[in-house]
Amino acid sequence: MPLPSLTDVREIATLKISGSAMGRFKNVPTPIIFKALKNGIEFYIEYGHQLLNSYLNITKYALKNKVKITSIPDDIIVLLLEPSIAKLGVQHLGISTRSFGRGPGTDLKINKALYFKKLRNNSGLLELIAVFFGAVQLVVGATMAKRGSELRSLDPKTCLSDDKTWLIAPLAKSTRGLQGRRSKNARPIDPLAAQMIQTIIDFQRELIHIGFIDEHLLLFSSPGIIGTSTLTPCDVYLYYKNIDLFCDYFQVDVDGLCRRYYIRQHQLRRFFALVFLHCGYGASEGILQWMFGHTDPAHIWNYITEELPGKELRNTLAQALSERIATAGTTHYTDVIDLVEEKFGTRNVSVMDSEQLAGYFDFLLEGGQMTIEPLFLESDTGFRVEILAVVRKQNEME
């Protein structure tokens, strides 16, 4: 075959493919995550068991009548729902489900505004179940500081200790010397998070008992919103699809450009550390014990530094300092503000977006001009954590 011409070779060598600009995941302000956790916990307590029981009722009906769940008419679906779920206003198996009597061209490909109206009006059972799974993932993710891949790999048969006080998870990047197998570790788990996980374990166990699935799947495998005849195995797409639906359902806050915060696990890992760093400062004394089950903050700091890589830990410290300055003023951080003014030409940080200020601090930390460390203080009322920022002058760096 003839070689391509020099002109063609030159065009191939200089071809530039343009795409959408790559962005970065923003830090999510801690109040937004706290509010999402509150919504998720309340949703679980009020509707969690009833949602899963409604799905079990539908699968039992499908098995008994030897039909697919998508072949069950909507009026029968409504009759099979638990009373509290029917009262929510569920009308279909799923908004996006091609179920009985809803063929191609109905409202499967509806505009966004109508879709989200139906979602928040509780029209589809499968979407509500996805919101439930998103709620559990957020609570477990925020209280355990695990990597996303570790949570997605949880085995329902082994992930909880017998007394339900430890989460047993595979460790990412831990196969060295193990012939490709991943090592595991156990960490204390909050009782509510353990209860949520047990609810899902019981759900899978019942699906196996009635013959809807053959064996346990990964913990966060959930019913797909298109109405599959089995659970959809957990992968990164399903995991974050459920969290995204949760964020849309509860209308999680937006940033300054009206972009919704779609929460990701690495942000929850930072939140884990931020709650710790905020304890004893503008937060109740019980948060530290509630989140970690420890009373000695030094133990928790060791855990945080073990779980978070260096760059992520530095970013967390920068965000913690920026939020503290944004909420409590700059009185104790005048040297830091002087350095910001010297490098970035502004000292009006009290009205600055905490994300932008965290970016400034991250830059200063990376350049070695500032270090941030937690300071553990003990008094008659117990432990508290203060954030110590050490500024290095230019002549000290030379």
Protein backbone atom coordinates (compact mmCIF):
# COMPACT_ATOMS: atom_id res chain seq x y z
CA MET A 1 0.00 0.00 0.00
CA PRO A 2 1.32 3.50 -0.80
CA LEU A 3 2.48 5.69 2.04
CA PRO A 4 0.34 8.73 2.85
CA SER A 5 1.45 11.97 1.29
CA LEU A 6 3.62 14.42 3.20
CA THR A 7 0.67 16.80 3.30
CA ASP A 8 -1.52 14.17 4.99
CA VAL A 9 1.23 13.25 7.45
CA ARG A 10 1.71 16.91 8.33
CA GLU A 11 -2.05 17.40 8.90
CA ILE A 12 -2.24 14.32 11.12
CA ALA A 13 0.78 15.44 13.15
CA THR A 14 -0.63 18.91 13.76
CA LEU A 15 -4.28 17.93 14.27
CA LYS A 16 -5.77 19.30 17.48
CA ILE A 17 -9.01 17.84 18.75
CA SER A 18 -11.03 20.33 20.75
CA GLY A 19 -13.56 19.37 23.38
CA SER A 20 -15.30 20.86 26.36
CA ALA A 21 -13.01 22.54 28.84
CA MET A 22 -11.92 20.31 31.68
CA GLY A 23 -13.01 21.54 35.09
CA ARG A 24 -12.17 20.49 38.61
CA PHE A 25 -14.38 19.26 41.37
CA LYS A 26 -15.18 22.13 43.69
CA ASN A 27 -14.99 21.86 47.42
CA VAL A 28 -18.50 21.57 48.80
CA PRO A 29 -19.12 23.95 51.74
CA THR A 30 -19.72 21.94 54.90
CA PRO A 31 -23.21 23.41 55.59
CA ILE A 32 -24.40 22.06 52.22
CA ILE A 33 -23.20 18.55 53.05
CA PHE A 34 -24.70 18.74 56.54
CA LYS A 35 -28.04 19.68 55.02
CA ALA A 36 -27.81 16.83 52.48
CA LEU A 37 -27.03 14.38 55.28
CA LYS A 38 -30.00 15.65 57.29
CA ASN A 39 -32.29 15.16 54.29
CA GLY A 40 -30.86 11.71 53.61
CA ILE A 41 -31.25 10.52 57.19
CA GLU A 42 -34.82 11.78 57.42
CA PHE A 43 -35.69 10.21 54.05
CA TYR A 44 -34.25 6.86 55.17
CA ILE A 45 -36.09 6.88 58.50
CA GLU A 46 -39.43 7.89 57.01
CA TYR A 47 -39.50 5.94 53.75
CA GLY A 48 -36.50 3.61 53.43
CA HIS A 49 -38.01 0.31 54.55
CA GLN A 50 -41.36 1.03 52.89
CA LEU A 51 -39.71 1.77 49.54
CA LEU A 52 -37.78 -1.50 49.54
CA ASN A 53 -40.84 -3.43 50.75
CA SER A 54 -42.87 -1.93 47.89
CA TYR A 55 -40.26 -3.18 45.43
CA LEU A 56 -40.33 -6.61 47.08
CA ASN A 57 -44.12 -6.70 46.72
CA ILE A 58 -43.77 -5.99 43.00
CA THR A 59 -41.09 -8.64 42.47
CA LYS A 60 -43.17 -11.25 44.32
CA TYR A 61 -46.16 -10.42 42.11
CA ALA A 62 -43.99 -10.68 38.98
CA LEU A 63 -42.58 -14.07 40.02
CA LYS A 64 -46.00 -15.42 41.01
CA ASN A 65 -47.56 -14.38 37.70
CA LYS A 66 -44.42 -15.20 35.65
CA VAL A 67 -44.16 -11.72 34.13
CA LYS A 68 -41.49 -9.06 34.01
CA ILE A 69 -41.92 -6.20 36.44
CA THR A 70 -42.15 -3.84 33.46
CA SER A 71 -45.21 -5.81 32.25
CA ILE A 72 -47.25 -4.98 35.34
CA PRO A 73 -49.85 -2.24 34.67
CA ASP A 74 -49.50 1.00 36.59
CA ASP A 75 -52.78 0.51 38.46
CA ILE A 76 -51.51 -2.83 39.80
CA ILE A 77 -48.16 -1.23 40.67
CA VAL A 78 -49.96 1.35 42.81
CA LEU A 79 -51.96 -1.38 44.58
CA LEU A 80 -48.74 -3.25 45.43
CA LEU A 81 -47.15 -0.23 47.11
CA GLU A 82 -46.86 0.12 50.86
CA PRO A 83 -49.51 2.62 52.08
CA SER A 84 -47.02 5.35 52.99
CA ILE A 85 -45.40 5.12 49.54
CA ALA A 86 -48.73 5.20 47.71
CA LYS A 87 -49.58 8.28 49.73
CA LEU A 88 -46.46 10.01 48.35
CA GLY A 89 -48.12 10.04 44.93
CA VAL A 90 -46.28 7.24 43.08
CA GLN A 91 -47.98 6.61 39.73
CA HIS A 92 -45.55 4.42 37.78
CA LEU A 93 -42.89 1.81 38.32
CA GLY A 94 -40.46 4.46 37.06
CA ILE A 95 -40.50 7.75 35.18
CA SER A 96 -37.91 6.39 32.75
CA THR A 97 -39.31 2.86 32.60
CA ARG A 98 -40.78 1.46 29.39
CA SER A 99 -43.47 -0.36 31.33
CA PHE A 100 -46.90 -1.75 30.46
CA GLY A 101 -49.02 0.73 28.51
CA ARG A 102 -46.16 3.23 28.15
CA GLY A 103 -44.62 2.45 24.79
CA PRO A 104 -42.09 4.40 22.76
CA GLY A 105 -42.85 8.08 22.36
CA THR A 106 -44.83 8.53 25.56
CA ASP A 107 -43.16 10.56 28.29
CA LEU A 108 -39.88 8.64 28.41
CA LYS A 109 -37.99 11.40 26.61
CA ILE A 110 -39.59 14.39 28.25
CA ASN A 111 -37.97 17.76 28.71
CA LYS A 112 -35.85 18.35 31.78
CA ALA A 113 -38.28 20.64 33.57
CA LEU A 114 -41.10 18.08 33.31
CA TYR A 115 -38.81 15.21 34.30
CA PHE A 116 -37.62 16.93 37.48
CA LYS A 117 -41.16 17.97 38.33
CA LYS A 118 -42.21 14.32 38.12
CA LEU A 119 -39.15 13.30 40.13
CA ARG A 120 -39.91 15.71 42.98
CA ASN A 121 -43.61 14.85 42.85
CA ASN A 122 -42.64 11.21 43.56
CA SER A 123 -44.15 9.85 40.34
CA GLY A 124 -41.70 6.96 39.89
CA LEU A 125 -40.96 4.25 42.47
CA LEU A 126 -37.58 3.33 40.96
CA GLU A 127 -36.37 6.93 41.09
CA LEU A 128 -37.34 7.12 44.78
CA ILE A 129 -35.42 3.91 45.46
CA ALA A 130 -32.41 5.43 43.69
CA VAL A 131 -32.73 8.49 45.95
CA PHE A 132 -32.81 6.11 48.94
CA PHE A 133 -29.58 4.43 47.81
CA GLY A 134 -28.03 7.86 47.24
CA ALA A 135 -28.97 8.82 50.80
CA VAL A 136 -27.31 5.72 52.25
CA GLN A 137 -24.21 6.24 50.12
CA LEU A 138 -23.88 9.84 51.34
CA VAL A 139 -24.24 8.97 55.03
CA VAL A 140 -21.85 6.02 54.85
CA GLY A 141 -19.42 7.98 52.68
CA ALA A 142 -19.38 11.01 54.97
CA THR A 143 -18.89 9.04 58.19
CA MET A 144 -16.29 6.55 56.94
CA ALA A 145 -13.91 8.64 54.76
CA LYS A 146 -13.35 5.70 52.42
CA ARG A 147 -12.38 5.95 48.77
CA GLY A 148 -15.25 5.61 46.33
CA SER A 149 -13.83 2.40 44.88
CA GLU A 150 -13.69 0.90 48.37
CA LEU A 151 -17.34 1.67 49.06
CA ARG A 152 -18.42 0.38 45.65
CA SER A 153 -16.63 -2.91 46.41
CA LEU A 154 -18.36 -3.58 49.74
CA ASP A 155 -19.52 -7.21 50.04
CA PRO A 156 -22.91 -7.48 51.82
CA LYS A 157 -21.90 -10.87 53.26
CA THR A 158 -18.81 -9.56 55.04
CA CYS A 159 -18.85 -5.74 55.22
CA LEU A 160 -20.29 -5.53 58.74
CA SER A 161 -18.87 -7.20 61.81
CA ASP A 162 -21.16 -9.52 63.77
CA ASP A 163 -21.87 -6.82 66.36
CA LYS A 164 -22.50 -4.20 63.61
CA THR A 165 -19.91 -1.81 65.02
CA TRP A 166 -17.17 -2.19 62.37
CA LEU A 167 -17.16 -1.66 58.62
CA ILE A 168 -14.90 -4.16 56.86
CA ALA A 169 -13.82 -2.80 53.50
CA PRO A 170 -11.30 -3.72 50.80
CA LEU A 171 -8.48 -1.23 50.47
CA ALA A 172 -7.74 0.40 47.14
CA LYS A 173 -4.12 0.23 45.94
CA SER A 174 -3.31 -2.59 48.35
CA THR A 175 -2.63 -5.64 46.15
CA ARG A 176 1.15 -5.65 46.41
CA GLY A 177 2.32 -9.07 47.58
CA LEU A 178 -1.24 -10.41 47.59
CA GLN A 179 -1.34 -11.93 44.07
CA GLY A 180 -3.81 -9.27 42.91
CA ARG A 181 -6.12 -9.61 45.93
CA ARG A 182 -6.94 -6.51 47.92
CA SER A 183 -6.30 -6.38 51.65
CA LYS A 184 -9.06 -5.24 54.01
CA ASN A 185 -9.31 -3.15 57.12
CA ALA A 186 -11.96 -2.58 59.76
CA ARG A 187 -13.01 0.83 61.04
CA PRO A 188 -15.65 1.86 63.62
CA ILE A 189 -18.94 2.70 61.95
CA ASP A 190 -21.69 4.97 63.23
CA PRO A 191 -24.75 2.95 64.40
CA LEU A 192 -27.10 4.74 61.98
CA ALA A 193 -24.81 4.09 59.00
CA ALA A 194 -24.58 0.43 60.06
CA GLN A 195 -28.36 0.27 60.30
CA MET A 196 -28.70 1.67 56.78
CA ILE A 197 -26.25 -0.91 55.43
CA GLN A 198 -28.09 -3.71 57.24
CA THR A 199 -31.35 -2.59 55.60
CA ILE A 200 -29.77 -3.11 52.17
CA ILE A 201 -28.27 -6.45 53.22
CA ASP A 202 -31.71 -7.65 54.36
CA PHE A 203 -33.19 -6.40 51.07
CA GLN A 204 -30.76 -8.48 49.01
CA ARG A 205 -31.29 -11.49 51.27
CA GLU A 206 -35.04 -11.32 50.71
CA LEU A 207 -34.61 -11.00 46.92
CA ILE A 208 -32.49 -14.16 47.00
CA HIS A 209 -35.05 -15.94 49.19
CA ILE A 210 -37.91 -15.30 46.76
CA GLY A 211 -35.75 -16.16 43.74
CA PHE A 212 -35.56 -12.74 42.09
CA ILE A 213 -31.74 -12.78 42.20
CA ASP A 214 -29.49 -15.83 42.49
CA GLU A 215 -26.77 -14.52 44.79
CA HIS A 216 -25.55 -11.50 46.71
CA LEU A 217 -24.25 -8.65 44.58
CA LEU A 218 -22.03 -5.77 45.68
CA LEU A 219 -23.72 -3.84 48.49
CA PHE A 220 -24.81 -0.78 46.52
CA SER A 221 -26.22 -2.72 43.56
CA SER A 222 -29.72 -1.31 43.17
CA PRO A 223 -32.81 -1.56 40.97
CA GLY A 224 -32.13 0.28 37.71
CA ILE A 225 -34.45 3.16 36.92
CA ILE A 226 -35.29 1.63 33.50
CA GLY A 227 -36.88 -1.40 35.17
CA THR A 228 -34.45 -4.28 34.70
CA SER A 229 -35.49 -7.80 35.76
CA THR A 230 -32.67 -7.97 38.31
CA LEU A 231 -30.54 -5.60 40.37
CA THR A 232 -28.05 -3.48 38.45
CA PRO A 233 -24.51 -4.38 39.59
CA CYS A 234 -22.81 -1.49 41.35
CA ASP A 235 -20.27 0.41 39.28
CA VAL A 236 -19.06 3.99 39.28
CA TYR A 237 -21.88 5.09 36.93
CA LEU A 238 -24.70 3.61 39.03
CA TYR A 239 -23.13 4.77 42.29
CA TYR A 240 -23.02 8.41 41.25
CA LYS A 241 -26.27 8.24 39.29
CA ASN A 242 -28.03 7.49 42.58
CA ILE A 243 -26.26 10.37 44.36
CA ASP A 244 -27.04 12.73 41.47
CA LEU A 245 -30.74 11.84 41.65
CA PHE A 246 -30.61 12.48 45.39
CA CYS A 247 -29.06 15.92 44.78
CA ASP A 248 -31.70 16.76 42.17
CA TYR A 249 -34.57 15.42 44.28
CA PHE A 250 -33.61 17.51 47.32
CA GLN A 251 -32.37 20.40 45.18
CA VAL A 252 -28.95 20.60 46.81
CA ASP A 253 -27.66 24.19 46.75
CA VAL A 254 -25.89 25.72 43.76
CA ASP A 255 -22.67 27.70 43.52
CA GLY A 256 -22.27 31.32 42.44
CA LEU A 257 -22.76 30.34 38.77
CA CYS A 258 -26.01 28.46 39.52
CA ARG A 259 -24.37 25.04 39.10
CA ARG A 260 -25.68 22.41 41.48
CA TYR A 261 -23.23 20.69 43.80
CA TYR A 262 -23.28 17.02 42.78
CA ILE A 263 -21.45 15.48 45.71
CA ARG A 264 -18.61 13.01 45.14
CA GLN A 265 -16.90 10.66 47.56
CA HIS A 266 -13.56 12.46 47.59
CA GLN A 267 -15.46 15.55 48.73
CA LEU A 268 -17.05 13.53 51.53
CA ARG A 269 -13.57 12.38 52.56
CA ARG A 270 -12.62 16.03 52.92
CA PHE A 271 -15.86 16.67 54.81
CA PHE A 272 -14.87 13.90 57.21
CA ALA A 273 -11.68 15.79 58.01
CA LEU A 274 -13.37 19.21 58.02
CA VAL A 275 -15.91 18.16 60.65
CA PHE A 276 -13.01 17.05 62.80
CA LEU A 277 -11.16 20.33 62.27
CA HIS A 278 -14.28 22.36 63.05
CA CYS A 279 -15.00 20.50 66.30
CA GLY A 280 -14.60 22.71 69.31
CA TYR A 281 -15.11 25.77 67.13
CA GLY A 282 -18.65 26.73 66.23
CA ALA A 283 -19.87 23.15 66.59
CA SER A 284 -21.34 21.11 69.41
CA GLU A 285 -18.95 19.04 71.48
CA GLY A 286 -20.85 15.87 70.61
CA ILE A 287 -20.10 16.02 66.88
CA LEU A 288 -16.61 14.58 67.29
CA GLN A 289 -17.85 11.59 69.26
CA TRP A 290 -20.89 11.13 67.00
CA MET A 291 -18.81 11.13 63.83
CA PHE A 292 -15.90 8.99 64.95
CA GLY A 293 -16.72 7.18 68.16
CA HIS A 294 -13.47 8.48 69.73
CA THR A 295 -12.81 11.02 72.43
CA ASP A 296 -9.12 11.62 71.73
CA PRO A 297 -8.79 13.83 68.61
CA ALA A 298 -5.17 12.75 68.12
CA HIS A 299 -6.40 9.24 67.26
CA ILE A 300 -8.78 10.66 64.67
CA TRP A 301 -6.08 12.85 63.16
CA ASN A 302 -3.92 9.76 62.72
CA TYR A 303 -6.83 8.08 60.93
CA ILE A 304 -7.39 11.11 58.69
CA THR A 305 -3.73 11.36 57.66
CA GLU A 306 -3.75 7.63 56.96
CA GLU A 307 -6.86 7.81 54.78
CA LEU A 308 -6.23 11.05 52.88
CA PRO A 309 -3.28 11.40 50.48
CA GLY A 310 -0.99 14.41 50.90
CA LYS A 311 -2.51 16.68 48.25
CA GLU A 312 -6.06 15.98 49.40
CA LEU A 313 -5.13 16.56 53.03
CA ARG A 314 -3.50 19.90 52.12
CA ASN A 315 -6.63 20.94 50.23
CA THR A 316 -8.76 19.96 53.23
CA LEU A 317 -6.68 22.09 55.57
CA ALA A 318 -6.91 25.02 53.15
CA GLN A 319 -10.70 24.70 52.99
CA ALA A 320 -10.96 24.42 56.79
CA LEU A 321 -8.99 27.64 57.27
CA SER A 322 -10.95 29.48 54.58
CA GLU A 323 -14.31 28.49 56.11
CA ARG A 324 -13.15 29.46 59.57
CA ILE A 325 -12.06 32.90 58.37
CA ALA A 326 -15.28 33.31 56.36
CA THR A 327 -17.50 32.53 59.37
CA ALA A 328 -15.53 33.98 62.27
CA GLY A 329 -13.46 36.79 60.84
CA THR A 330 -9.76 37.38 60.49
CA THR A 331 -8.83 38.50 64.03
CA HIS A 332 -6.50 35.58 64.76
CA TYR A 333 -5.10 35.32 61.22
CA THR A 334 -3.70 38.77 60.46
CA ASP A 335 -0.34 37.35 59.29
CA VAL A 336 -2.18 35.08 56.87
CA ILE A 337 -4.17 38.01 55.49
CA ASP A 338 -0.96 40.03 55.11
CA LEU A 339 0.50 37.20 53.04
CA VAL A 340 -2.64 36.99 50.89
CA GLU A 341 -2.45 40.73 50.24
CA GLU A 342 1.23 40.47 49.36
CA LYS A 343 0.66 37.62 46.88
CA PHE A 344 -2.80 38.32 45.49
CA GLY A 345 -3.35 42.03 46.05
CA THR A 346 -6.38 41.85 48.35
CA ARG A 347 -7.06 41.58 52.06
CA ASN A 348 -10.84 41.84 51.82
CA VAL A 349 -11.18 38.10 52.43
CA SER A 350 -14.17 38.24 54.77
CA VAL A 351 -16.53 38.71 51.82
CA MET A 352 -14.61 36.42 49.47
CA ASP A 353 -15.99 33.13 48.23
CA SER A 354 -14.52 30.42 50.48
CA GLU A 355 -13.66 28.34 47.39
CA GLN A 356 -11.51 31.15 45.99
CA LEU A 357 -9.85 31.77 49.37
CA ALA A 358 -9.15 28.03 49.75
CA GLY A 359 -7.48 28.15 46.34
CA TYR A 360 -5.20 30.97 47.55
CA PHE A 361 -4.28 28.99 50.67
CA ASP A 362 -3.67 25.83 48.65
CA PHE A 363 -1.25 27.79 46.43
CA LEU A 364 0.59 29.15 49.47
CA LEU A 365 0.77 25.70 51.06
CA GLU A 366 2.13 24.14 47.87
CA GLY A 367 4.78 26.84 47.63
CA GLY A 368 5.87 26.33 51.22
CA GLN A 369 5.00 29.87 52.28
CA MET A 370 2.46 28.68 54.80
CA THR A 371 1.78 25.52 56.80
CA ILE A 372 -1.46 24.56 58.53
CA GLU A 373 -1.67 22.12 61.40
CA PRO A 374 -4.42 21.17 63.85
CA LEU A 375 -3.62 22.02 67.46
CA PHE A 376 -5.15 19.74 70.11
CA LEU A 377 -6.07 21.54 73.32
CA GLU A 378 -7.47 20.00 76.48
CA SER A 379 -9.35 21.86 79.18
CA ASP A 380 -11.78 21.07 81.96
CA THR A 381 -14.55 20.75 79.38
CA GLY A 382 -12.64 18.28 77.20
CA PHE A 383 -10.73 18.42 73.94
CA ARG A 384 -11.00 21.06 71.26
CA VAL A 385 -9.20 21.56 67.96
CA GLU A 386 -7.76 24.84 66.78
CA ILE A 387 -6.19 25.49 63.38
CA LEU A 388 -2.64 26.80 63.56
CA ALA A 389 -1.40 28.65 60.46
CA VAL A 390 2.35 29.31 60.29
CA VAL A 391 3.47 31.95 57.78
CA ARG A 392 7.02 31.90 56.44
CA LYS A 393 8.46 35.23 55.30
CA GLN A 394 10.40 35.39 52.06
CA ASN A 395 13.76 35.82 53.82
CA GLU A 396 13.04 32.73 55.92
CA MET A 397 12.62 30.68 52.75
CA GLU A 398 15.95 31.64 51.22
